Amino acid sequence: MLERLENLPAGIEGLKAVGKVTKEDYEKVFEPLLDDARRDGRRLRFLYQLGPEFDGFTPGALWEDAKLGLRSLRLFGGCAIVRDVVWIRDSARLVAFVLPCPVQVFSHQARQQAIEWLAPLPEVAATPP
């Protein structure tokens, strides 16, 4: 399941992965976040938190992630990945290669540092897809 993170500084959006993340989670939670940014003409300063309660992605979620990501690459102004899952660090390297924005990986204990890293990144207008 994907949950929107609350109590983040203005201009920073975040999601937390809990349990198994499904295609429906992407459709109900992540896609509206992207649609809002696209409609508002802004880039996302995005915090993605994958803690110990994260169990992985279903195949449908992986496919949906790839589709949304490719369609929305220019909407990202920065991405901080907060993880306690070891394999996420290696996967983040692939994400960093594809995204046209800065990407950093932080441990769960460094979550506040992730927010501080995202905060000064410019929230410039996104180029329409």
C-alpha atoms as a PDB file:
ATOM      1  CA  MET A   1       0.000   0.000   0.000  1.00  0.00           C
ATOM      2  CA  LEU A   2       1.114   3.565  -0.667  1.00  0.00           C
ATOM      3  CA  GLU A   3       0.308   6.284   1.845  1.00  0.00           C
ATOM      4  CA  ARG A   4       0.718  10.032   1.394  1.00  0.00           C
ATOM      5  CA  LEU A   5       3.148  11.435   3.932  1.00  0.00           C
ATOM      6  CA  GLU A   6       1.722  14.233   6.041  1.00  0.00           C
ATOM      7  CA  ASN A   7       3.476  17.077   7.856  1.00  0.00           C
ATOM      8  CA  LEU A   8       6.150  17.673   5.223  1.00  0.00           C
ATOM      9  CA  PRO A   9       7.354  21.204   4.501  1.00  0.00           C
ATOM     10  CA  ALA A  10       5.472  23.151   1.849  1.00  0.00           C
ATOM     11  CA  GLY A  11       6.463  22.092  -1.657  1.00  0.00           C
ATOM     12  CA  ILE A  12       7.653  18.612  -0.693  1.00  0.00           C
ATOM     13  CA  GLU A  13       5.430  15.663  -1.511  1.00  0.00           C
ATOM     14  CA  GLY A  14       5.968  12.217  -0.089  1.00  0.00           C
ATOM     15  CA  LEU A  15       4.775   8.645  -0.185  1.00  0.00           C
ATOM     16  CA  LYS A  16       5.387   5.767   2.177  1.00  0.00           C
ATOM     17  CA  ALA A  17       5.321   2.156   1.007  1.00  0.00           C
ATOM     18  CA  VAL A  18       3.767  -0.259   3.507  1.00  0.00           C
ATOM     19  CA  GLY A  19       3.268  -3.984   2.976  1.00  0.00           C
ATOM     20  CA  LYS A  20       2.868  -4.966  -0.680  1.00  0.00           C
ATOM     21  CA  VAL A  21       2.540  -2.104  -3.153  1.00  0.00           C
ATOM     22  CA  THR A  22       0.055  -2.853  -5.931  1.00  0.00           C
ATOM     23  CA  LYS A  23      -0.931  -1.392  -9.282  1.00  0.00           C
ATOM     24  CA  GLU A  24      -4.071  -0.033  -7.639  1.00  0.00           C
ATOM     25  CA  ASP A  25      -1.945   1.862  -5.110  1.00  0.00           C
ATOM     26  CA  TYR A  26      -0.184   3.636  -7.962  1.00  0.00           C
ATOM     27  CA  GLU A  27      -3.508   4.445  -9.629  1.00  0.00           C
ATOM     28  CA  LYS A  28      -5.179   5.728  -6.448  1.00  0.00           C
ATOM     29  CA  VAL A  29      -2.276   7.481  -4.707  1.00  0.00           C
ATOM     30  CA  PHE A  30       0.698   8.201  -6.960  1.00  0.00           C
ATOM     31  CA  GLU A  31      -1.076   9.071 -10.205  1.00  0.00           C
ATOM     32  CA  PRO A  32      -3.207  11.860  -8.613  1.00  0.00           C
ATOM     33  CA  LEU A  33      -0.016  13.337  -7.114  1.00  0.00           C
ATOM     34  CA  LEU A  34       1.541  13.469 -10.584  1.00  0.00           C
ATOM     35  CA  ASP A  35      -1.656  14.843 -12.110  1.00  0.00           C
ATOM     36  CA  ASP A  36      -1.746  17.671  -9.536  1.00  0.00           C
ATOM     37  CA  ALA A  37       1.865  18.629 -10.275  1.00  0.00           C
ATOM     38  CA  ARG A  38       1.232  18.530 -14.026  1.00  0.00           C
ATOM     39  CA  ARG A  39      -1.916  20.650 -13.704  1.00  0.00           C
ATOM     40  CA  ASP A  40      -0.155  23.178 -11.439  1.00  0.00           C
ATOM     41  CA  GLY A  41       2.893  23.350 -13.732  1.00  0.00           C
ATOM     42  CA  ARG A  42       5.345  22.478 -10.977  1.00  0.00           C
ATOM     43  CA  ARG A  43       8.067  19.954 -10.388  1.00  0.00           C
ATOM     44  CA  LEU A  44       7.897  17.500  -7.528  1.00  0.00           C
ATOM     45  CA  ARG A  45      10.404  17.512  -4.740  1.00  0.00           C
ATOM     46  CA  PHE A  46       9.599  13.943  -3.834  1.00  0.00           C
ATOM     47  CA  LEU A  47      10.297  11.870  -0.716  1.00  0.00           C
ATOM     48  CA  TYR A  48       9.756   8.124  -1.136  1.00  0.00           C
ATOM     49  CA  GLN A  49       9.945   6.191   2.132  1.00  0.00           C
ATOM     50  CA  LEU A  50      10.389   2.412   2.152  1.00  0.00           C
ATOM     51  CA  GLY A  51      10.774   1.213   5.720  1.00  0.00           C
ATOM     52  CA  PRO A  52      10.922  -2.157   7.436  1.00  0.00           C
ATOM     53  CA  GLU A  53       7.154  -2.595   7.011  1.00  0.00           C
ATOM     54  CA  PHE A  54       7.610  -2.587   3.191  1.00  0.00           C
ATOM     55  CA  ASP A  55       7.242  -6.095   1.675  1.00  0.00           C
ATOM     56  CA  GLY A  56       7.808  -5.345  -2.004  1.00  0.00           C
ATOM     57  CA  PHE A  57       5.993  -4.596  -5.232  1.00  0.00           C
ATOM     58  CA  THR A  58       3.552  -6.753  -7.123  1.00  0.00           C
ATOM     59  CA  PRO A  59       4.384  -7.267 -10.826  1.00  0.00           C
ATOM     60  CA  GLY A  60       1.506  -4.940 -11.707  1.00  0.00           C
ATOM     61  CA  ALA A  61       2.938  -2.238  -9.440  1.00  0.00           C
ATOM     62  CA  LEU A  62       6.346  -2.512 -11.091  1.00  0.00           C
ATOM     63  CA  TRP A  63       4.738  -2.123 -14.511  1.00  0.00           C
ATOM     64  CA  GLU A  64       2.633   0.830 -13.366  1.00  0.00           C
ATOM     65  CA  ASP A  65       5.712   2.450 -11.814  1.00  0.00           C
ATOM     66  CA  ALA A  66       7.590   2.129 -15.095  1.00  0.00           C
ATOM     67  CA  LYS A  67       4.677   3.536 -17.127  1.00  0.00           C
ATOM     68  CA  LEU A  68       4.056   6.477 -14.802  1.00  0.00           C
ATOM     69  CA  GLY A  69       7.742   7.183 -14.441  1.00  0.00           C
ATOM     70  CA  LEU A  70       8.428   7.302 -18.159  1.00  0.00           C
ATOM     71  CA  ARG A  71       5.361   9.436 -18.797  1.00  0.00           C
ATOM     72  CA  SER A  72       6.187  11.851 -15.972  1.00  0.00           C
ATOM     73  CA  LEU A  73       9.990  12.122 -15.901  1.00  0.00           C
ATOM     74  CA  ARG A  74       9.999  15.887 -16.382  1.00  0.00           C
ATOM     75  CA  LEU A  75       7.745  16.420 -13.371  1.00  0.00           C
ATOM     76  CA  PHE A  76      10.494  15.553 -10.887  1.00  0.00           C
ATOM     77  CA  GLY A  77      12.728  18.300  -9.509  1.00  0.00           C
ATOM     78  CA  GLY A  78      14.396  16.028  -6.956  1.00  0.00           C
ATOM     79  CA  CYS A  79      13.860  12.627  -5.413  1.00  0.00           C
ATOM     80  CA  ALA A  80      14.957  11.484  -1.948  1.00  0.00           C
ATOM     81  CA  ILE A  81      14.578   7.787  -1.257  1.00  0.00           C
ATOM     82  CA  VAL A  82      14.474   6.845   2.415  1.00  0.00           C
ATOM     83  CA  ARG A  83      14.991   3.153   2.849  1.00  0.00           C
ATOM     84  CA  ASP A  84      15.777   0.437   5.326  1.00  0.00           C
ATOM     85  CA  VAL A  85      15.665  -2.188   2.582  1.00  0.00           C
ATOM     86  CA  VAL A  86      19.152  -2.986   1.254  1.00  0.00           C
ATOM     87  CA  TRP A  87      18.199  -3.846  -2.346  1.00  0.00           C
ATOM     88  CA  ILE A  88      16.482  -0.456  -2.717  1.00  0.00           C
ATOM     89  CA  ARG A  89      19.896   1.267  -2.708  1.00  0.00           C
ATOM     90  CA  ASP A  90      20.944  -0.639  -5.828  1.00  0.00           C
ATOM     91  CA  SER A  91      17.591  -0.064  -7.524  1.00  0.00           C
ATOM     92  CA  ALA A  92      17.873   3.646  -6.754  1.00  0.00           C
ATOM     93  CA  ARG A  93      21.016   3.803  -8.878  1.00  0.00           C
ATOM     94  CA  LEU A  94      18.926   2.753 -11.878  1.00  0.00           C
ATOM     95  CA  VAL A  95      16.265   5.318 -11.027  1.00  0.00           C
ATOM     96  CA  ALA A  96      18.922   8.017 -10.718  1.00  0.00           C
ATOM     97  CA  PHE A  97      20.211   7.141 -14.173  1.00  0.00           C
ATOM     98  CA  VAL A  98      16.764   7.621 -15.744  1.00  0.00           C
ATOM     99  CA  LEU A  99      15.454  10.645 -13.838  1.00  0.00           C
ATOM    100  CA  PRO A 100      16.473  14.076 -15.130  1.00  0.00           C
ATOM    101  CA  CYS A 101      16.768  15.361 -11.561  1.00  0.00           C
ATOM    102  CA  PRO A 102      18.992  14.857  -8.534  1.00  0.00           C
ATOM    103  CA  VAL A 103      18.373  11.599  -6.639  1.00  0.00           C
ATOM    104  CA  GLN A 104      19.770  10.746  -3.209  1.00  0.00           C
ATOM    105  CA  VAL A 105      19.278   7.690  -1.021  1.00  0.00           C
ATOM    106  CA  PHE A 106      19.058   8.091   2.755  1.00  0.00           C
ATOM    107  CA  SER A 107      18.747   5.633   5.626  1.00  0.00           C
ATOM    108  CA  HIS A 108      15.614   5.682   7.737  1.00  0.00           C
ATOM    109  CA  GLN A 109      17.549   7.407  10.533  1.00  0.00           C
ATOM    110  CA  ALA A 110      18.493  10.187   8.072  1.00  0.00           C
ATOM    111  CA  ARG A 111      14.911  10.966   7.025  1.00  0.00           C
ATOM    112  CA  GLN A 112      15.162  14.545   8.284  1.00  0.00           C
ATOM    113  CA  GLN A 113      18.354  15.006   6.253  1.00  0.00           C
ATOM    114  CA  ALA A 114      16.435  13.841   3.183  1.00  0.00           C
ATOM    115  CA  ILE A 115      13.818  16.533   3.786  1.00  0.00           C
ATOM    116  CA  GLU A 116      16.527  19.146   4.316  1.00  0.00           C
ATOM    117  CA  TRP A 117      18.215  18.040   1.077  1.00  0.00           C
ATOM    118  CA  LEU A 118      14.942  18.397  -0.888  1.00  0.00           C
ATOM    119  CA  ALA A 119      13.815  21.715   0.592  1.00  0.00           C
ATOM    120  CA  PRO A 120      16.188  24.084  -1.251  1.00  0.00           C
ATOM    121  CA  LEU A 121      15.771  22.410  -4.650  1.00  0.00           C
ATOM    122  CA  PRO A 122      13.925  24.706  -7.047  1.00  0.00           C
ATOM    123  CA  GLU A 123      10.266  24.046  -7.638  1.00  0.00           C
ATOM    124  CA  VAL A 124      10.524  25.340 -11.195  1.00  0.00           C
ATOM    125  CA  ALA A 125       7.701  25.073 -13.672  1.00  0.00           C
ATOM    126  CA  ALA A 126       7.659  21.715 -15.383  1.00  0.00           C
ATOM    127  CA  THR A 127       7.923  21.428 -19.124  1.00  0.00           C
ATOM    128  CA  PRO A 128       4.571  20.181 -20.438  1.00  0.00           C
ATOM    129  CA  PRO A 129       4.752  16.522 -21.510  1.00  0.00           C
END
